[in-house]
Protein backbone atom coordinates (compact mmCIF):
# COMPACT_ATOMS: atom_id res chain seq x y z
CA MET A 1 0.16 -0.18 -0.20
CA PRO A 2 1.53 3.45 -0.67
CA VAL A 3 2.37 5.65 1.69
CA HIS A 4 0.47 8.90 1.85
CA SER A 5 1.72 12.46 2.79
CA THR A 6 -1.26 14.49 4.00
CA THR A 7 -1.23 17.75 6.08
CA LEU A 8 -3.65 19.54 8.46
CA THR A 9 -6.07 21.97 7.23
CA PRO A 10 -5.89 25.30 9.48
CA ASP A 11 -8.91 24.59 11.51
CA ARG A 12 -7.72 20.97 12.35
CA ARG A 13 -4.53 22.11 13.35
CA ALA A 14 -6.32 24.54 15.41
CA ARG A 15 -8.42 21.75 16.88
CA ILE A 16 -5.20 19.89 17.89
CA ASP A 17 -3.57 22.77 19.41
CA ALA A 18 -6.55 23.88 21.50
CA SER A 19 -6.38 20.11 22.64
CA LEU A 20 -2.85 20.23 23.57
CA ALA A 21 -3.47 23.68 25.14
CA ALA A 22 -6.20 22.60 27.37
CA ASN A 23 -4.08 19.61 28.70
CA SER A 24 -0.44 20.94 29.09
CA PHE A 25 0.76 17.83 31.10
CA LEU A 26 0.94 16.44 27.35
CA VAL A 27 3.85 18.43 26.30
CA GLU A 28 5.22 18.25 29.65
CA LEU A 29 5.51 14.41 29.33
CA GLY A 30 6.99 14.95 25.84
CA ALA A 31 9.72 17.35 27.26
CA LEU A 32 10.68 14.54 29.60
CA PHE A 33 11.04 11.75 27.04
CA GLU A 34 12.98 14.54 24.91
CA ALA A 35 15.76 15.08 27.70
CA ALA A 36 15.98 11.11 28.11
CA GLY A 37 16.64 10.89 24.35
CA HIS A 38 13.57 9.10 23.34
CA GLU A 39 10.75 9.57 21.26
CA ILE A 40 6.82 9.63 22.09
CA ALA A 41 3.77 10.63 20.56
CA ILE A 42 0.02 10.69 21.11
CA VAL A 43 -1.42 8.20 18.88
CA GLY A 44 -5.06 6.51 17.63
CA GLY A 45 -8.34 7.67 18.98
CA PRO A 46 -7.23 10.63 20.60
CA VAL A 47 -5.78 12.41 17.44
CA ARG A 48 -8.58 11.09 15.66
CA ASP A 49 -11.30 12.64 17.93
CA ALA A 50 -9.22 15.81 18.29
CA VAL A 51 -8.89 16.06 14.48
CA LEU A 52 -12.80 15.34 14.24
CA GLY A 53 -13.34 18.14 16.92
CA ARG A 54 -14.78 15.28 19.49
CA PRO A 55 -14.16 15.63 23.08
CA GLY A 56 -11.75 12.79 24.60
CA ASN A 57 -10.20 12.06 27.81
CA ASP A 58 -8.37 8.82 27.15
CA TRP A 59 -4.76 9.41 25.96
CA ASP A 60 -2.70 6.51 24.37
CA PHE A 61 1.04 6.99 23.50
CA THR A 62 3.54 5.19 22.02
CA THR A 63 7.31 5.60 22.59
CA SER A 64 10.44 4.51 21.50
CA ALA A 65 11.30 3.69 25.06
CA ARG A 66 11.07 0.25 26.77
CA PRO A 67 8.92 -0.14 30.14
CA ASP A 68 11.77 -0.30 32.33
CA ASP A 69 12.58 3.34 30.98
CA ILE A 70 9.00 4.64 30.69
CA GLU A 71 8.85 3.82 34.60
CA GLN A 72 12.18 5.69 34.97
CA ILE A 73 11.42 8.93 32.97
CA ALA A 74 7.83 9.08 34.36
CA GLY A 75 8.10 8.09 37.72
CA ALA A 76 8.57 10.75 39.68
CA TRP A 77 6.46 13.18 37.29
CA ALA A 78 3.23 10.77 37.87
CA ASP A 79 1.09 10.55 40.73
CA ALA A 80 0.79 7.05 40.06
CA ILE A 81 2.16 4.28 37.96
CA TRP A 82 1.43 1.04 37.74
CA ASP A 83 2.23 -2.07 35.33
CA VAL A 84 -0.72 -2.50 32.97
CA GLY A 85 0.83 -5.56 30.66
CA ARG A 86 5.03 -5.28 30.82
CA GLU A 87 4.66 -8.12 28.21
CA PHE A 88 2.66 -6.11 26.19
CA GLY A 89 5.08 -2.96 26.53
CA THR A 90 2.14 -0.90 28.31
CA ILE A 91 2.87 1.08 31.53
CA GLY A 92 -0.10 3.06 32.89
CA LEU A 93 -0.03 6.29 35.28
CA ARG A 94 -2.01 8.94 36.56
CA LYS A 95 -1.52 12.74 36.35
CA GLY A 96 -4.14 15.02 38.12
CA PRO A 97 -7.30 13.60 37.02
CA HIS A 98 -5.57 11.88 33.77
CA GLU A 99 -5.07 8.20 33.26
CA LEU A 100 -2.67 7.61 30.55
CA GLU A 101 -1.03 4.80 28.68
CA ILE A 102 2.31 4.54 27.53
CA THR A 103 3.09 1.46 24.84
CA THR A 104 6.49 0.83 23.66
CA TYR A 105 6.68 0.50 19.61
CA ARG A 106 5.45 -2.80 18.84
CA THR A 107 5.05 -4.93 15.94
CA ASP A 108 2.57 -7.80 16.59
CA GLU A 109 1.13 -10.51 14.97
CA TYR A 110 -1.00 -14.03 16.13
CA ASP A 111 0.14 -17.04 15.38
CA LEU A 112 -2.60 -19.18 13.54
CA ALA A 113 -3.65 -21.47 15.91
CA SER A 114 -3.17 -18.87 19.27
CA ARG A 115 -5.44 -16.69 21.19
CA ARG A 116 -2.68 -14.48 22.05
CA PRO A 117 -0.45 -12.25 20.04
CA GLU A 118 3.10 -12.58 19.88
CA VAL A 119 4.71 -9.10 20.99
CA ARG A 120 7.85 -7.67 19.31
CA PHE A 121 9.30 -4.52 20.25
CA GLY A 122 9.55 -2.12 17.35
CA GLN A 123 12.28 0.68 16.72
CA THR A 124 10.22 3.34 14.81
CA LEU A 125 6.91 5.30 14.90
CA HIS A 126 6.37 4.54 11.21
CA GLY A 127 6.62 0.59 12.17
CA ASP A 128 4.01 0.97 14.88
CA LEU A 129 1.75 3.00 13.04
CA SER A 130 1.66 0.67 10.18
CA ARG A 131 0.22 -2.24 12.72
CA ARG A 132 -2.48 0.10 13.69
CA ASP A 133 -5.99 -1.50 12.76
CA PHE A 134 -7.22 1.63 10.75
CA ALA A 135 -5.62 4.24 8.93
CA VAL A 136 -7.86 6.75 10.65
CA ASN A 137 -6.71 5.41 14.01
CA ALA A 138 -2.92 5.54 12.43
CA MET A 139 -2.36 9.05 13.20
CA ALA A 140 -0.20 10.58 15.56
CA VAL A 141 1.07 13.94 16.98
CA ARG A 142 4.73 13.87 18.11
CA LEU A 143 5.56 15.33 21.54
CA PRO A 144 6.90 18.02 22.50
CA SER A 145 7.18 19.02 19.25
CA ARG A 146 3.06 18.87 18.00
CA GLU A 147 4.61 17.75 14.81
CA PHE A 148 1.31 15.78 13.11
CA VAL A 149 1.89 12.42 11.50
CA ASP A 150 -0.33 11.00 8.96
CA LEU A 151 1.43 8.07 6.79
CA PHE A 152 -1.24 6.07 5.66
CA GLY A 153 -4.10 8.36 4.37
CA GLY A 154 -6.16 8.87 7.73
CA LEU A 155 -6.90 12.44 7.12
CA THR A 156 -8.37 11.40 3.91
CA ASP A 157 -10.57 8.28 5.08
CA LEU A 158 -11.89 11.03 7.71
CA ASP A 159 -13.01 12.95 4.88
CA ASP A 160 -14.34 10.14 2.88
CA GLN A 161 -15.77 8.53 6.15
CA VAL A 162 -14.12 4.96 4.99
CA LEU A 163 -12.65 2.75 7.21
CA ARG A 164 -9.18 1.06 5.61
CA THR A 165 -6.27 -0.54 6.89
CA PRO A 166 -2.71 0.89 6.64
CA VAL A 167 -1.64 -2.57 5.43
CA SER A 168 -3.31 -4.87 3.61
CA PRO A 169 -6.52 -5.91 5.57
CA GLU A 170 -5.77 -9.55 5.20
CA GLN A 171 -2.45 -9.08 7.19
CA SER A 172 -4.26 -6.59 9.40
CA PHE A 173 -6.95 -9.19 10.16
CA SER A 174 -4.55 -12.16 10.19
CA ASP A 175 -2.33 -10.53 12.72
CA ASP A 176 -5.55 -9.92 15.06
CA PRO A 177 -8.57 -10.98 14.02
CA LEU A 178 -10.20 -8.84 16.46
CA ARG A 179 -9.83 -6.01 14.05
CA MET A 180 -12.69 -7.42 11.98
CA MET A 181 -15.07 -6.75 14.62
CA ARG A 182 -13.54 -3.59 15.39
CA ALA A 183 -14.50 -2.46 12.05
CA ALA A 184 -18.02 -3.10 12.69
CA ARG A 185 -17.69 -1.16 16.15
CA PHE A 186 -16.15 2.08 14.58
CA VAL A 187 -18.71 1.81 11.75
CA SER A 188 -21.47 2.03 15.08
CA GLN A 189 -19.10 4.55 16.40
CA LEU A 190 -18.45 7.08 14.12
CA GLY A 191 -21.21 6.24 11.26
CA PHE A 192 -18.45 5.70 8.76
CA HIS A 193 -18.42 2.51 6.42
CA ALA A 194 -15.78 0.09 5.62
CA GLY A 195 -13.77 -0.19 2.25
CA PRO A 196 -14.78 -2.85 -0.15
CA GLU A 197 -11.62 -4.46 0.56
CA VAL A 198 -12.11 -4.04 3.81
CA VAL A 199 -15.61 -5.95 3.59
CA ALA A 200 -13.89 -8.39 1.22
CA ALA A 201 -11.37 -9.54 3.80
CA MET A 202 -13.91 -9.71 6.71
CA THR A 203 -16.00 -11.90 4.66
CA GLY A 204 -13.16 -14.04 3.74
CA MET A 205 -11.69 -14.60 6.97
CA SER A 206 -14.92 -14.65 9.39
CA GLN A 207 -13.72 -17.92 10.76
CA ARG A 208 -10.41 -16.66 12.11
CA LEU A 209 -13.06 -14.82 14.84
CA GLU A 210 -12.78 -18.26 16.43
CA ILE A 211 -9.32 -17.77 18.02
CA VAL A 212 -10.28 -14.41 19.69
CA SER A 213 -11.52 -14.81 23.32
CA ALA A 214 -15.31 -14.62 24.13
CA GLU A 215 -14.37 -11.41 26.47
CA ARG A 216 -12.59 -9.59 23.75
CA ILE A 217 -15.59 -10.35 21.48
CA ARG A 218 -18.03 -9.43 24.30
CA ASP A 219 -16.44 -6.03 25.11
CA GLU A 220 -16.32 -4.89 20.81
CA LEU A 221 -19.96 -5.84 20.97
CA ASN A 222 -20.72 -3.77 23.78
CA LYS A 223 -18.91 -0.74 22.47
CA LEU A 224 -20.77 -1.63 19.10
CA LEU A 225 -24.10 -1.64 20.59
CA CYS A 226 -23.33 1.43 22.28
CA GLY A 227 -22.18 3.41 19.80
CA SER A 228 -24.33 6.11 17.53
CA HIS A 229 -25.19 3.94 14.60
CA PRO A 230 -25.42 0.34 16.21
CA VAL A 231 -27.72 -0.79 13.24
CA GLN A 232 -25.01 -0.18 10.64
CA GLY A 233 -22.40 -1.98 12.50
CA LEU A 234 -24.71 -5.11 13.17
CA ARG A 235 -25.44 -5.29 9.57
CA LEU A 236 -22.02 -5.26 8.74
CA LEU A 237 -21.44 -8.18 10.86
CA VAL A 238 -24.21 -10.17 9.38
CA ALA A 239 -23.17 -9.24 6.13
CA THR A 240 -19.57 -10.62 6.32
CA GLY A 241 -20.49 -13.75 8.41
CA LEU A 242 -18.84 -12.35 11.40
CA ALA A 243 -22.09 -12.34 13.40
CA GLU A 244 -22.47 -16.45 12.62
CA GLN A 245 -19.40 -16.88 14.38
CA MET A 246 -20.45 -14.91 17.73
CA LEU A 247 -23.85 -14.31 17.71
CA PRO A 248 -25.41 -16.81 15.20
CA GLU A 249 -28.95 -16.04 16.72
CA LEU A 250 -28.90 -12.96 14.87
CA PRO A 251 -28.40 -14.09 10.99
CA ALA A 252 -30.87 -16.92 12.08
CA LEU A 253 -33.61 -14.12 12.22
CA ILE A 254 -33.56 -13.66 8.50
CA LEU A 255 -36.23 -16.00 7.80
CA GLU A 256 -37.56 -17.37 4.77
CA ARG A 257 -40.96 -15.44 4.08
CA ASP A 258 -43.74 -17.65 3.24
CA GLU A 259 -45.31 -16.96 -0.21
CA HIS A 260 -48.09 -14.98 1.08
CA HIS A 261 -45.68 -12.49 2.99
CA ARG A 262 -47.88 -13.06 5.81
CA HIS A 263 -45.27 -12.54 8.70
CA LYS A 264 -42.66 -9.81 9.14
CA ASP A 265 -39.03 -9.95 8.48
CA VAL A 266 -38.07 -10.62 11.85
CA TYR A 267 -34.33 -9.42 11.19
CA GLU A 268 -35.48 -6.18 10.03
CA HIS A 269 -38.45 -6.05 12.63
CA SER A 270 -35.36 -6.53 15.29
CA LEU A 271 -33.20 -3.86 13.95
CA THR A 272 -36.14 -1.57 14.17
CA VAL A 273 -37.11 -2.26 17.40
CA LEU A 274 -33.53 -1.79 18.55
CA GLU A 275 -33.84 1.74 16.90
CA GLN A 276 -37.00 2.62 18.60
CA ALA A 277 -35.64 1.43 21.87
CA ILE A 278 -32.69 3.86 21.57
CA ALA A 279 -35.31 6.64 20.82
CA LEU A 280 -37.22 5.87 24.06
CA GLU A 281 -33.69 5.69 26.10
CA ASP A 282 -34.39 9.28 27.79
CA ARG A 283 -36.87 7.62 30.28
CA LEU A 284 -33.63 5.97 31.73
CA GLN A 285 -31.16 7.40 33.91
CA ALA A 286 -27.84 6.61 31.85
CA GLN A 287 -27.56 6.15 28.21
CA PRO A 288 -26.67 4.27 26.34
CA ASP A 289 -28.21 1.33 28.07
CA LEU A 290 -26.57 -1.84 27.37
CA VAL A 291 -29.14 -4.09 28.96
CA ILE A 292 -32.33 -2.26 26.80
CA ARG A 293 -30.17 -2.59 23.41
CA LEU A 294 -29.31 -6.29 24.02
CA ALA A 295 -33.03 -6.90 24.96
CA ALA A 296 -34.42 -5.02 21.96
CA LEU A 297 -32.04 -6.74 19.60
CA LEU A 298 -32.70 -10.41 20.91
CA HIS A 299 -36.14 -10.18 21.64
CA ASP A 300 -37.29 -12.28 19.13
CA ILE A 301 -34.46 -14.90 18.67
CA GLY A 302 -36.82 -17.69 19.78
CA LYS A 303 -38.94 -17.24 16.74
CA PRO A 304 -36.81 -19.38 14.39
CA LYS A 305 -37.13 -22.47 16.67
CA THR A 306 -40.73 -21.98 17.29
CA ARG A 307 -41.61 -21.08 13.77
CA ARG A 308 -44.68 -22.82 12.52
CA PHE A 309 -46.80 -23.03 9.45
CA VAL A 310 -50.54 -23.68 10.39
CA GLU A 311 -53.62 -24.54 8.07
CA GLY A 312 -54.34 -21.35 5.66
CA GLY A 313 -51.10 -20.33 5.18
CA VAL A 314 -50.82 -18.98 8.95
CA VAL A 315 -47.55 -18.64 10.53
CA THR A 316 -47.14 -18.92 14.52
CA PHE A 317 -44.43 -18.63 16.98
CA HIS A 318 -45.79 -19.66 19.94
CA HIS A 319 -43.91 -19.70 23.12
CA HIS A 320 -41.24 -17.73 21.44
CA ASP A 321 -40.83 -15.53 24.43
CA VAL A 322 -40.20 -18.43 26.77
CA VAL A 323 -37.89 -20.23 24.30
CA GLY A 324 -36.03 -16.61 23.51
CA ALA A 325 -35.39 -16.12 27.29
CA LYS A 326 -33.41 -19.52 27.50
CA LEU A 327 -31.44 -18.73 24.01
CA VAL A 328 -30.38 -15.53 25.65
CA ARG A 329 -29.23 -17.20 28.41
CA LYS A 330 -26.96 -19.52 26.46
CA ARG A 331 -25.64 -17.17 24.25
CA LEU A 332 -24.68 -14.57 26.85
CA ARG A 333 -23.17 -17.13 29.17
CA ALA A 334 -21.13 -18.15 26.10
CA LEU A 335 -19.92 -14.45 25.58
CA ARG A 336 -19.00 -14.30 29.25
CA TYR A 337 -21.67 -11.59 30.39
CA SER A 338 -22.42 -11.24 34.04
CA ASN A 339 -25.18 -12.94 35.66
CA ASP A 340 -26.88 -9.55 36.37
CA VAL A 341 -27.06 -8.50 32.63
CA ILE A 342 -27.93 -11.98 31.65
CA ASP A 343 -30.80 -11.84 34.16
CA GLN A 344 -31.87 -8.54 33.26
CA VAL A 345 -31.74 -9.31 29.51
CA ALA A 346 -33.62 -12.63 29.59
CA LYS A 347 -36.33 -11.05 31.96
CA LEU A 348 -37.15 -8.47 29.56
CA VAL A 349 -37.08 -11.17 26.31
CA GLU A 350 -39.52 -13.41 28.99
CA LEU A 351 -41.80 -10.72 29.38
CA HIS A 352 -41.88 -8.83 26.37
CA LEU A 353 -45.05 -10.17 25.16
CA ARG A 354 -47.06 -9.75 28.46
CA PHE A 355 -48.90 -6.57 27.55
CA HIS A 356 -50.47 -8.03 24.73
CA GLY A 357 -52.78 -9.93 26.84
CA TYR A 358 -53.75 -6.35 28.27
CA GLY A 359 -56.51 -5.91 25.15
CA SER A 360 -58.39 -2.99 25.49
CA GLY A 361 -57.59 -2.70 29.18
CA GLU A 362 -59.35 -5.50 30.43
CA TRP A 363 -56.87 -6.48 33.06
CA THR A 364 -57.86 -6.22 36.57
CA ASP A 365 -55.96 -4.56 39.37
CA SER A 366 -54.62 -7.90 40.27
CA ALA A 367 -53.22 -8.32 36.96
CA VAL A 368 -51.47 -4.92 36.66
CA ARG A 369 -50.32 -5.86 40.09
CA ARG A 370 -48.67 -8.99 38.78
CA TYR A 371 -47.32 -7.34 35.93
CA VAL A 372 -45.17 -5.03 38.00
CA ARG A 373 -44.08 -7.84 40.11
CA ASP A 374 -43.07 -9.82 37.47
CA ALA A 375 -40.88 -7.17 35.73
CA GLY A 376 -39.48 -5.76 39.14
CA ASP A 377 -36.54 -3.71 38.77
CA GLN A 378 -36.76 -4.18 35.07
CA LEU A 379 -40.16 -2.23 34.89
CA GLU A 380 -38.89 1.08 33.17
CA ARG A 381 -37.10 -0.95 30.50
CA LEU A 382 -40.04 -3.22 29.68
CA HIS A 383 -42.09 -0.22 29.01
CA ILE A 384 -39.27 1.10 26.64
CA LEU A 385 -39.13 -2.55 25.03
CA THR A 386 -42.89 -2.98 24.76
CA ARG A 387 -43.21 0.27 23.24
CA ALA A 388 -40.26 -0.44 20.65
CA ASP A 389 -41.66 -3.62 19.81
CA SER A 390 -44.73 -2.14 17.96
CA THR A 391 -43.22 -1.56 14.17
CA THR A 392 -46.51 -1.41 12.36
CA ARG A 393 -47.00 0.45 9.41
CA ASN A 394 -50.89 0.85 10.05
CA ASN A 395 -51.15 4.32 11.79
CA LYS A 396 -54.47 3.49 13.44
CA LYS A 397 -52.99 0.37 14.87
CA ALA A 398 -49.92 1.94 16.18
CA LEU A 399 -51.75 4.95 17.77
CA ARG A 400 -54.20 2.22 19.36
CA LEU A 401 -51.30 0.13 21.04
CA GLN A 402 -49.83 3.54 22.19
CA ARG A 403 -52.75 4.71 23.95
CA THR A 404 -53.45 1.13 25.37
CA TYR A 405 -49.83 1.30 26.77
CA ASP A 406 -50.69 4.75 27.88
CA GLU A 407 -53.51 3.54 29.88
CA LEU A 408 -51.64 0.95 31.37
CA GLU A 409 -48.84 2.86 32.69
CA ASP A 410 -51.33 5.27 34.00
CA ARG A 411 -52.87 2.55 35.97
CA ILE A 412 -49.58 1.27 37.44
CA THR A 413 -48.93 5.01 38.58
CA ALA A 414 -52.30 5.16 40.16
CA LEU A 415 -51.95 1.92 41.95
CA ALA A 416 -48.31 2.82 43.07
CA GLU A 417 -49.71 5.72 44.59
CA GLN A 418 -52.23 3.57 46.93
CA GLU A 419 -49.78 0.58 47.13
CA GLU A 420 -46.26 -0.01 47.40
CA LEU A 421 -46.28 -1.93 43.99
CA GLY A 422 -42.34 -1.92 43.60
CA SER A 423 -42.17 -4.07 46.85
CA ILE A 424 -45.53 -6.09 46.98
CA ARG A 425 -45.36 -8.26 49.95
CA PRO A 426 -47.96 -10.47 51.84
CA ASP A 427 -49.47 -8.27 55.16
CA LEU A 428 -47.92 -10.84 57.20
CA ASP A 429 -44.02 -12.07 57.52
CA GLY A 430 -42.48 -15.58 58.01
CA ALA A 431 -42.68 -15.25 62.01
CA GLN A 432 -46.13 -13.64 61.93
CA ILE A 433 -47.28 -16.98 59.85
CA MET A 434 -45.23 -19.20 62.11
CA GLN A 435 -47.02 -17.49 65.12
CA ILE A 436 -50.72 -17.52 63.84
CA LEU A 437 -50.26 -21.16 62.85
CA GLY A 438 -48.07 -22.83 65.26
CA ILE A 439 -45.69 -24.12 62.87
CA ALA A 440 -42.25 -24.49 62.76
CA PRO A 441 -40.00 -23.07 60.01
CA GLY A 442 -40.05 -25.26 56.78
CA PRO A 443 -41.97 -25.76 53.43
CA GLU A 444 -45.15 -24.92 55.03
CA VAL A 445 -44.16 -21.60 56.04
CA GLY A 446 -43.62 -21.07 52.34
CA GLU A 447 -46.89 -22.58 51.27
CA ALA A 448 -48.58 -20.02 53.72
CA TYR A 449 -46.53 -17.32 52.50
CA ARG A 450 -47.22 -17.73 48.95
CA PHE A 451 -51.03 -17.87 49.59
CA LEU A 452 -50.88 -14.50 51.06
CA LEU A 453 -49.00 -13.15 48.22
CA ASP A 454 -51.49 -14.26 45.84
CA LEU A 455 -53.98 -12.72 48.00
CA ARG A 456 -52.45 -9.61 48.51
CA MET A 457 -52.25 -9.58 44.44
CA ASP A 458 -55.75 -10.12 43.91
CA ARG A 459 -57.21 -7.97 46.45
CA GLY A 460 -54.80 -5.54 47.18
CA PRO A 461 -53.44 -4.48 50.90
CA LEU A 462 -55.62 -6.23 53.31
CA GLY A 463 -54.23 -5.27 56.79
CA GLU A 464 -52.86 -7.91 59.29
CA ALA A 465 -56.10 -8.84 61.04
CA ASP A 466 -58.00 -9.61 57.83
CA ALA A 467 -54.59 -11.30 56.61
CA ALA A 468 -54.60 -13.52 59.57
CA GLU A 469 -58.41 -14.44 59.35
CA ALA A 470 -58.00 -15.42 55.70
CA LEU A 471 -54.82 -17.37 56.39
CA LYS A 472 -56.69 -19.32 59.40
CA SER A 473 -59.51 -20.35 56.91
CA PHE A 474 -56.74 -21.23 53.96
CA TRP A 475 -55.06 -23.34 56.56
CA ALA A 476 -58.23 -25.18 57.86
CA ALA A 477 -59.52 -26.03 54.44
CA ARG A 478 -56.07 -27.46 53.25
CA PRO A 479 -56.40 -31.14 52.28
């Protein structure tokens, strides 16, 4: 690949200078390394974001100094210093509120059968930049001189909003197959598109992803989902076959349509639900919200396994909510998600159809209480998922569904003002149950507790006296 020589426009030069001026410690650090006879440069994402005028707080550096030299040069200057990965040449440090990572020039590559790269320290900035994932991340600013370095056409690619690799994509992806997922991640984060040669290499080498650890794949998927354009990134994963390697349930949603076109394209529907859920995220405290995005994307993954064609050309997906929740647990465990995330996403998938039993508002207060109890701390996310799951093009139907769900939320709010819906418990606790019935701890207490909980759901708060009488009657009538 030819080496490019590009220069900064005045406005981009001004953006970089402003970033350096706002962070004077950067030039201080550069002067320390220069005095010690070593090169150091800001590299990668911080440079890209500065050129684009995007705010950033992460600072990555590359240097000719070896790890021991980095510690010796920066140790007294930094407020704290630690070993991030000495074998990879990386030392971390903190200066004021800023955390920095400084890495020795490297030239890594993966063994064809290994999950870990073979690390070799390099000698030049040019060599280090050539091993970066994409040209837009292979730009650097030398310190303390502030010289801008763009050897592989990163500025041109920023203008064209395209992702290309500094060397051939086949070599780049062979060195680190995770870069194929990073391509999809940057499509999501930056709104760029992958160059045709990059797409071709991703397609031809997708199976190489199998040597990458589940944890690294999960982290890239999270960054993709939490980007500004996740649907574009997901489409790239599916189109190149990478999704088949790490999230096969997603391309499986591209079901063959029946000849009468009587059911939706589940794949396109799921992507639309994801976009609509993101549009409703302002209802949540923190955005982006990984859990709601995972749930929106995966809410229908039970459909391929439950699809049935019945008489009259009708297509059914009975119990796809329950089946989907099980598939979510299996896939997210394989991707090494935390138990909390798995439980939250699975609960949302299992409950995403519950609202449709509401009809035109026929639910009793008891049914509303059970809806709230079953949703638990995922109620607000369930509101979002249920609303986002309406992708009908029939405006009248869409408005009817919206009004009906508005009514359900209003009923939840009204009941919540009367009762503590978020923490519904029986009117009597376990100790009171044992005292009233004269029983010892054991399964019978649980049986009595469940009776009282059901009673509480059906009739609302009773008070201790009425609950005790109901409990005695229930206990006396037991077979």
